[in-house]
Every structure is written in structure tokens, then in C-alpha cells.
Amino acid sequence: MLPWEPSLARMGLKRYCACAALVALTGSAALFGLAAFLNHLCHFTAPFHGPEGRPGAGTVFGAILFAPVVETALLIGLLKLLVRCGLSETAAVTVSAIIWGLLHGTQHPLRFFGTVWSFAVFGYGYFSWHRRQPRRGFAAASVPHALLNTAVTVAMFIDEYSG
């Protein structure tokens, strides 16, 4: 059991998902912002300008519905595999978050930093809630992911269509 699990149980799943999304968003934004700032100073890689093309219905479907469900299913499979290979839950979440960061970093190296943090939050959420009920574990990882992606998608639309 993780040290904060008793607090989560008292919080309730809906409130947890909202709080986890906020923790994932703020932590990811802080890490990404720090990495982008250091990149601006040291020129490690090209600046990040976001995805190419105009956001539309495909962006909404892909980012808010498809990615959280599919990536959560893959995340859970990876976490279970890592634990079966002998890693603790904490180590499994860490390794998994790094793998997800590397995968997202293939789109742009700076994406690694925000992704690592958010997938750590999703992984811990899964383990913490899965013990109570497996579906809750899936929801505790996928709902904050969808909420995080909603915030990012809204920002993309504002940036693109605000003139």
C-alpha cells in the first residue's frame, strides 16, 4: 500500500480524478516549462511549437477519448508486466513513466518531461484504486488523463483560432 492511499479512499474517486488531473497538469507544465526554458538558454533541440496542422474533430477524438482509453490499457498492461518481473509498484510506475516519456518524446524531445510526470500520476492512481476495485483503477488512470488532454486540447484550439 502506498502512503497516501488512506487519504485517497476518503476523497472518493470523482474528487480524486479531478485532483489527479490538476496535479498531472501542473507538474507536467512545470517540468515542460523548465525544460523549454533551459532549452532556450542552451539550445539542446529546436524549440517546441506544438503539433502541426489545425486542431479539429480528430484532435478532440484522438486526444480526449481515444488516447486516454488506449494508453491507459497499455499502461496497465505494462505496469502488471513490470510487477510480474519483480519490480515494486513504485519502481514499475517509475520505469513505465520513463518509457511513456520516451515514446511521447519521439514527437519532440521536450514532450518527454511533461509526459513522465503525468504518467507517474496515472500509474500511481491505477495502483491505488485498483486494490479497491479493478474498474476504479482504470478510471483513476484514464479520467485524469482525459481531463489533462482536454486542457491541452482547449489550449491548442485557443492558440489556433483566437486570431
C-alpha atoms as a PDB file:
ATOM      1  CA  MET A   1       0.000   0.000   0.000  1.00  0.00           C
ATOM      2  CA  LEU A   2       1.240   3.455  -0.898  1.00  0.00           C
ATOM      3  CA  PRO A   3       1.464   6.001   1.957  1.00  0.00           C
ATOM      4  CA  TRP A   4      -1.257   8.285   0.607  1.00  0.00           C
ATOM      5  CA  GLU A   5      -3.837   5.575  -0.152  1.00  0.00           C
ATOM      6  CA  PRO A   6      -5.929   6.087   3.023  1.00  0.00           C
ATOM      7  CA  SER A   7      -6.369   9.753   2.084  1.00  0.00           C
ATOM      8  CA  LEU A   8      -7.479   8.780  -1.419  1.00  0.00           C
ATOM      9  CA  ALA A   9     -10.112   6.405  -0.082  1.00  0.00           C
ATOM     10  CA  ARG A  10     -11.658   9.218   1.962  1.00  0.00           C
ATOM     11  CA  MET A  11     -11.519  11.556  -1.040  1.00  0.00           C
ATOM     12  CA  GLY A  12     -13.720   9.461  -3.345  1.00  0.00           C
ATOM     13  CA  LEU A  13     -12.986   8.577  -6.954  1.00  0.00           C
ATOM     14  CA  LYS A  14     -14.607  11.585  -8.654  1.00  0.00           C
ATOM     15  CA  ARG A  15     -12.809  14.097  -6.477  1.00  0.00           C
ATOM     16  CA  TYR A  16      -9.575  12.108  -6.831  1.00  0.00           C
ATOM     17  CA  CYS A  17      -9.796  12.212 -10.636  1.00  0.00           C
ATOM     18  CA  ALA A  18     -10.234  15.992 -10.628  1.00  0.00           C
ATOM     19  CA  CYS A  19      -7.343  16.472  -8.187  1.00  0.00           C
ATOM     20  CA  ALA A  20      -5.095  13.999 -10.026  1.00  0.00           C
ATOM     21  CA  ALA A  21      -5.745  15.809 -13.307  1.00  0.00           C
ATOM     22  CA  LEU A  22      -4.733  19.088 -11.666  1.00  0.00           C
ATOM     23  CA  VAL A  23      -1.593  17.517 -10.164  1.00  0.00           C
ATOM     24  CA  ALA A  24      -0.717  15.957 -13.537  1.00  0.00           C
ATOM     25  CA  LEU A  25      -1.317  19.224 -15.398  1.00  0.00           C
ATOM     26  CA  THR A  26       0.611  21.493 -13.029  1.00  0.00           C
ATOM     27  CA  GLY A  27       3.538  19.100 -12.618  1.00  0.00           C
ATOM     28  CA  SER A  28       3.740  18.419 -16.351  1.00  0.00           C
ATOM     29  CA  ALA A  29       3.533  22.104 -17.180  1.00  0.00           C
ATOM     30  CA  ALA A  30       6.238  22.941 -14.642  1.00  0.00           C
ATOM     31  CA  LEU A  31       8.639  20.260 -15.923  1.00  0.00           C
ATOM     32  CA  PHE A  32       7.920  21.089 -19.551  1.00  0.00           C
ATOM     33  CA  GLY A  33       8.319  24.808 -18.874  1.00  0.00           C
ATOM     34  CA  LEU A  34      11.628  24.300 -17.077  1.00  0.00           C
ATOM     35  CA  ALA A  35      12.911  22.073 -19.890  1.00  0.00           C
ATOM     36  CA  ALA A  36      11.767  24.583 -22.520  1.00  0.00           C
ATOM     37  CA  PHE A  37      13.454  27.432 -20.612  1.00  0.00           C
ATOM     38  CA  LEU A  38      16.729  25.503 -20.320  1.00  0.00           C
ATOM     39  CA  ASN A  39      16.458  24.576 -23.983  1.00  0.00           C
ATOM     40  CA  HIS A  40      16.011  28.262 -24.845  1.00  0.00           C
ATOM     41  CA  LEU A  41      19.174  29.100 -22.922  1.00  0.00           C
ATOM     42  CA  CYS A  42      21.313  26.176 -24.116  1.00  0.00           C
ATOM     43  CA  HIS A  43      19.767  25.242 -27.487  1.00  0.00           C
ATOM     44  CA  PHE A  44      19.695  21.471 -26.915  1.00  0.00           C
ATOM     45  CA  THR A  45      16.975  20.982 -29.538  1.00  0.00           C
ATOM     46  CA  ALA A  46      14.677  23.003 -31.767  1.00  0.00           C
ATOM     47  CA  PRO A  47      12.003  24.995 -29.912  1.00  0.00           C
ATOM     48  CA  PHE A  48       8.673  23.258 -29.383  1.00  0.00           C
ATOM     49  CA  HIS A  49       5.839  24.735 -31.447  1.00  0.00           C
ATOM     50  CA  GLY A  50       3.122  22.152 -30.829  1.00  0.00           C
ATOM     51  CA  PRO A  51       1.590  19.748 -33.290  1.00  0.00           C
ATOM     52  CA  GLU A  52       1.455  20.666 -36.948  1.00  0.00           C
ATOM     53  CA  GLY A  53      -1.878  21.372 -38.608  1.00  0.00           C
ATOM     54  CA  ARG A  54      -5.074  22.887 -37.319  1.00  0.00           C
ATOM     55  CA  PRO A  55      -6.846  21.140 -34.472  1.00  0.00           C
ATOM     56  CA  GLY A  56     -10.288  19.787 -35.294  1.00  0.00           C
ATOM     57  CA  ALA A  57     -12.687  16.945 -34.536  1.00  0.00           C
ATOM     58  CA  GLY A  58      -9.913  14.370 -35.000  1.00  0.00           C
ATOM     59  CA  THR A  59      -7.832  16.156 -32.387  1.00  0.00           C
ATOM     60  CA  VAL A  60     -10.722  16.087 -29.926  1.00  0.00           C
ATOM     61  CA  PHE A  61     -11.474  12.403 -30.537  1.00  0.00           C
ATOM     62  CA  GLY A  62      -7.831  11.336 -30.511  1.00  0.00           C
ATOM     63  CA  ALA A  63      -6.674  13.333 -27.518  1.00  0.00           C
ATOM     64  CA  ILE A  64      -9.707  13.234 -25.260  1.00  0.00           C
ATOM     65  CA  LEU A  65     -11.326   9.871 -25.979  1.00  0.00           C
ATOM     66  CA  PHE A  66      -9.018   7.507 -27.859  1.00  0.00           C
ATOM     67  CA  ALA A  67      -5.611   8.209 -26.293  1.00  0.00           C
ATOM     68  CA  PRO A  68      -6.691   8.061 -22.628  1.00  0.00           C
ATOM     69  CA  VAL A  69      -8.525   4.753 -23.079  1.00  0.00           C
ATOM     70  CA  VAL A  70      -5.928   3.017 -25.259  1.00  0.00           C
ATOM     71  CA  GLU A  71      -2.895   4.410 -23.448  1.00  0.00           C
ATOM     72  CA  THR A  72      -4.397   3.521 -20.058  1.00  0.00           C
ATOM     73  CA  ALA A  73      -4.986  -0.073 -21.195  1.00  0.00           C
ATOM     74  CA  LEU A  74      -1.375  -0.243 -22.402  1.00  0.00           C
ATOM     75  CA  LEU A  75      -0.127   1.470 -19.229  1.00  0.00           C
ATOM     76  CA  ILE A  76      -1.896  -1.082 -17.033  1.00  0.00           C
ATOM     77  CA  GLY A  77      -0.520  -3.957 -19.083  1.00  0.00           C
ATOM     78  CA  LEU A  78       2.996  -2.564 -18.778  1.00  0.00           C
ATOM     79  CA  LEU A  79       2.643  -1.966 -15.031  1.00  0.00           C
ATOM     80  CA  LYS A  80       1.400  -5.527 -14.471  1.00  0.00           C
ATOM     81  CA  LEU A  81       4.254  -6.918 -16.569  1.00  0.00           C
ATOM     82  CA  LEU A  82       6.864  -4.922 -14.661  1.00  0.00           C
ATOM     83  CA  VAL A  83       5.485  -6.071 -11.299  1.00  0.00           C
ATOM     84  CA  ARG A  84       5.441  -9.695 -12.529  1.00  0.00           C
ATOM     85  CA  CYS A  85       9.109  -9.240 -13.465  1.00  0.00           C
ATOM     86  CA  GLY A  86       9.868  -8.435  -9.839  1.00  0.00           C
ATOM     87  CA  LEU A  87       9.694  -4.638  -9.653  1.00  0.00           C
ATOM     88  CA  SER A  88       7.896  -2.943  -6.788  1.00  0.00           C
ATOM     89  CA  GLU A  89       4.855  -0.863  -7.678  1.00  0.00           C
ATOM     90  CA  THR A  90       6.894   2.320  -7.181  1.00  0.00           C
ATOM     91  CA  ALA A  91       9.679   1.066  -9.452  1.00  0.00           C
ATOM     92  CA  ALA A  92       7.136  -0.135 -12.022  1.00  0.00           C
ATOM     93  CA  VAL A  93       5.475   3.298 -12.096  1.00  0.00           C
ATOM     94  CA  THR A  94       8.878   4.985 -12.475  1.00  0.00           C
ATOM     95  CA  VAL A  95      10.060   2.714 -15.292  1.00  0.00           C
ATOM     96  CA  SER A  96       6.696   2.917 -17.033  1.00  0.00           C
ATOM     97  CA  ALA A  97       6.612   6.716 -16.802  1.00  0.00           C
ATOM     98  CA  ILE A  98      10.084   6.913 -18.348  1.00  0.00           C
ATOM     99  CA  ILE A  99       9.034   4.582 -21.164  1.00  0.00           C
ATOM    100  CA  TRP A 100       5.918   6.681 -21.855  1.00  0.00           C
ATOM    101  CA  GLY A 101       8.073   9.823 -21.749  1.00  0.00           C
ATOM    102  CA  LEU A 102      10.460   8.342 -24.300  1.00  0.00           C
ATOM    103  CA  LEU A 103       7.568   7.320 -26.558  1.00  0.00           C
ATOM    104  CA  HIS A 104       5.976  10.777 -26.436  1.00  0.00           C
ATOM    105  CA  GLY A 105       9.442  12.333 -26.746  1.00  0.00           C
ATOM    106  CA  THR A 106       9.754  10.858 -30.233  1.00  0.00           C
ATOM    107  CA  GLN A 107       7.342  13.606 -31.352  1.00  0.00           C
ATOM    108  CA  HIS A 108       9.591  16.251 -29.788  1.00  0.00           C
ATOM    109  CA  PRO A 109      12.278  15.763 -27.127  1.00  0.00           C
ATOM    110  CA  LEU A 110      10.724  18.324 -24.775  1.00  0.00           C
ATOM    111  CA  ARG A 111       7.485  16.310 -24.599  1.00  0.00           C
ATOM    112  CA  PHE A 112       9.390  13.719 -22.562  1.00  0.00           C
ATOM    113  CA  PHE A 113       9.375  15.923 -19.464  1.00  0.00           C
ATOM    114  CA  GLY A 114       5.662  16.602 -19.098  1.00  0.00           C
ATOM    115  CA  THR A 115       4.755  13.063 -20.078  1.00  0.00           C
ATOM    116  CA  VAL A 116       6.951  11.454 -17.413  1.00  0.00           C
ATOM    117  CA  TRP A 117       5.210  13.346 -14.636  1.00  0.00           C
ATOM    118  CA  SER A 118       1.670  12.778 -15.855  1.00  0.00           C
ATOM    119  CA  PHE A 119       2.171   9.058 -16.462  1.00  0.00           C
ATOM    120  CA  ALA A 120       3.623   8.704 -12.971  1.00  0.00           C
ATOM    121  CA  VAL A 121       0.418  10.256 -11.620  1.00  0.00           C
ATOM    122  CA  PHE A 122      -1.693   7.931 -13.790  1.00  0.00           C
ATOM    123  CA  GLY A 123       0.306   4.870 -12.709  1.00  0.00           C
ATOM    124  CA  TYR A 124       0.070   5.659  -9.006  1.00  0.00           C
ATOM    125  CA  GLY A 125      -3.638   6.326  -9.427  1.00  0.00           C
ATOM    126  CA  TYR A 126      -4.104   2.957 -11.055  1.00  0.00           C
ATOM    127  CA  PHE A 127      -2.348   1.014  -8.298  1.00  0.00           C
ATOM    128  CA  SER A 128      -4.003   2.981  -5.502  1.00  0.00           C
ATOM    129  CA  TRP A 129      -7.558   2.481  -6.762  1.00  0.00           C
ATOM    130  CA  HIS A 130      -7.180  -0.946  -8.357  1.00  0.00           C
ATOM    131  CA  ARG A 131      -6.890  -2.535  -4.933  1.00  0.00           C
ATOM    132  CA  ARG A 132     -10.437  -1.434  -4.129  1.00  0.00           C
ATOM    133  CA  GLN A 133     -11.960  -2.410  -7.475  1.00  0.00           C
ATOM    134  CA  PRO A 134     -10.265  -3.028 -10.848  1.00  0.00           C
ATOM    135  CA  ARG A 135     -12.584  -0.698 -12.782  1.00  0.00           C
ATOM    136  CA  ARG A 136     -11.777   2.079 -10.372  1.00  0.00           C
ATOM    137  CA  GLY A 137      -8.084   1.577 -11.116  1.00  0.00           C
ATOM    138  CA  PHE A 138      -8.751   2.033 -14.818  1.00  0.00           C
ATOM    139  CA  ALA A 139     -10.865   5.130 -14.150  1.00  0.00           C
ATOM    140  CA  ALA A 140      -8.276   6.589 -11.746  1.00  0.00           C
ATOM    141  CA  ALA A 141      -5.722   6.497 -14.572  1.00  0.00           C
ATOM    142  CA  SER A 142      -7.868   7.240 -17.644  1.00  0.00           C
ATOM    143  CA  VAL A 143     -10.136  10.027 -16.360  1.00  0.00           C
ATOM    144  CA  PRO A 144      -7.297  12.317 -15.182  1.00  0.00           C
ATOM    145  CA  HIS A 145      -5.562  11.549 -18.499  1.00  0.00           C
ATOM    146  CA  ALA A 146      -8.671  12.616 -20.423  1.00  0.00           C
ATOM    147  CA  LEU A 147      -9.027  15.763 -18.300  1.00  0.00           C
ATOM    148  CA  LEU A 148      -5.351  16.650 -18.816  1.00  0.00           C
ATOM    149  CA  ASN A 149      -5.678  16.124 -22.569  1.00  0.00           C
ATOM    150  CA  THR A 150      -8.867  18.219 -22.575  1.00  0.00           C
ATOM    151  CA  ALA A 151      -6.990  21.149 -21.033  1.00  0.00           C
ATOM    152  CA  VAL A 152      -4.169  20.814 -23.578  1.00  0.00           C
ATOM    153  CA  THR A 153      -6.650  20.484 -26.467  1.00  0.00           C
ATOM    154  CA  VAL A 154      -8.564  23.576 -25.346  1.00  0.00           C
ATOM    155  CA  ALA A 155      -5.268  25.491 -25.220  1.00  0.00           C
ATOM    156  CA  MET A 156      -4.450  24.298 -28.756  1.00  0.00           C
ATOM    157  CA  PHE A 157      -7.842  25.499 -30.029  1.00  0.00           C
ATOM    158  CA  ILE A 158      -7.465  28.862 -28.293  1.00  0.00           C
ATOM    159  CA  ASP A 159      -3.970  29.288 -29.714  1.00  0.00           C
ATOM    160  CA  GLU A 160      -5.051  28.329 -33.239  1.00  0.00           C
ATOM    161  CA  TYR A 161      -8.402  30.087 -33.505  1.00  0.00           C
ATOM    162  CA  SER A 162      -8.027  33.172 -31.305  1.00  0.00           C
ATOM    163  CA  GLY A 163      -6.677  35.173 -34.192  1.00  0.00           C
END
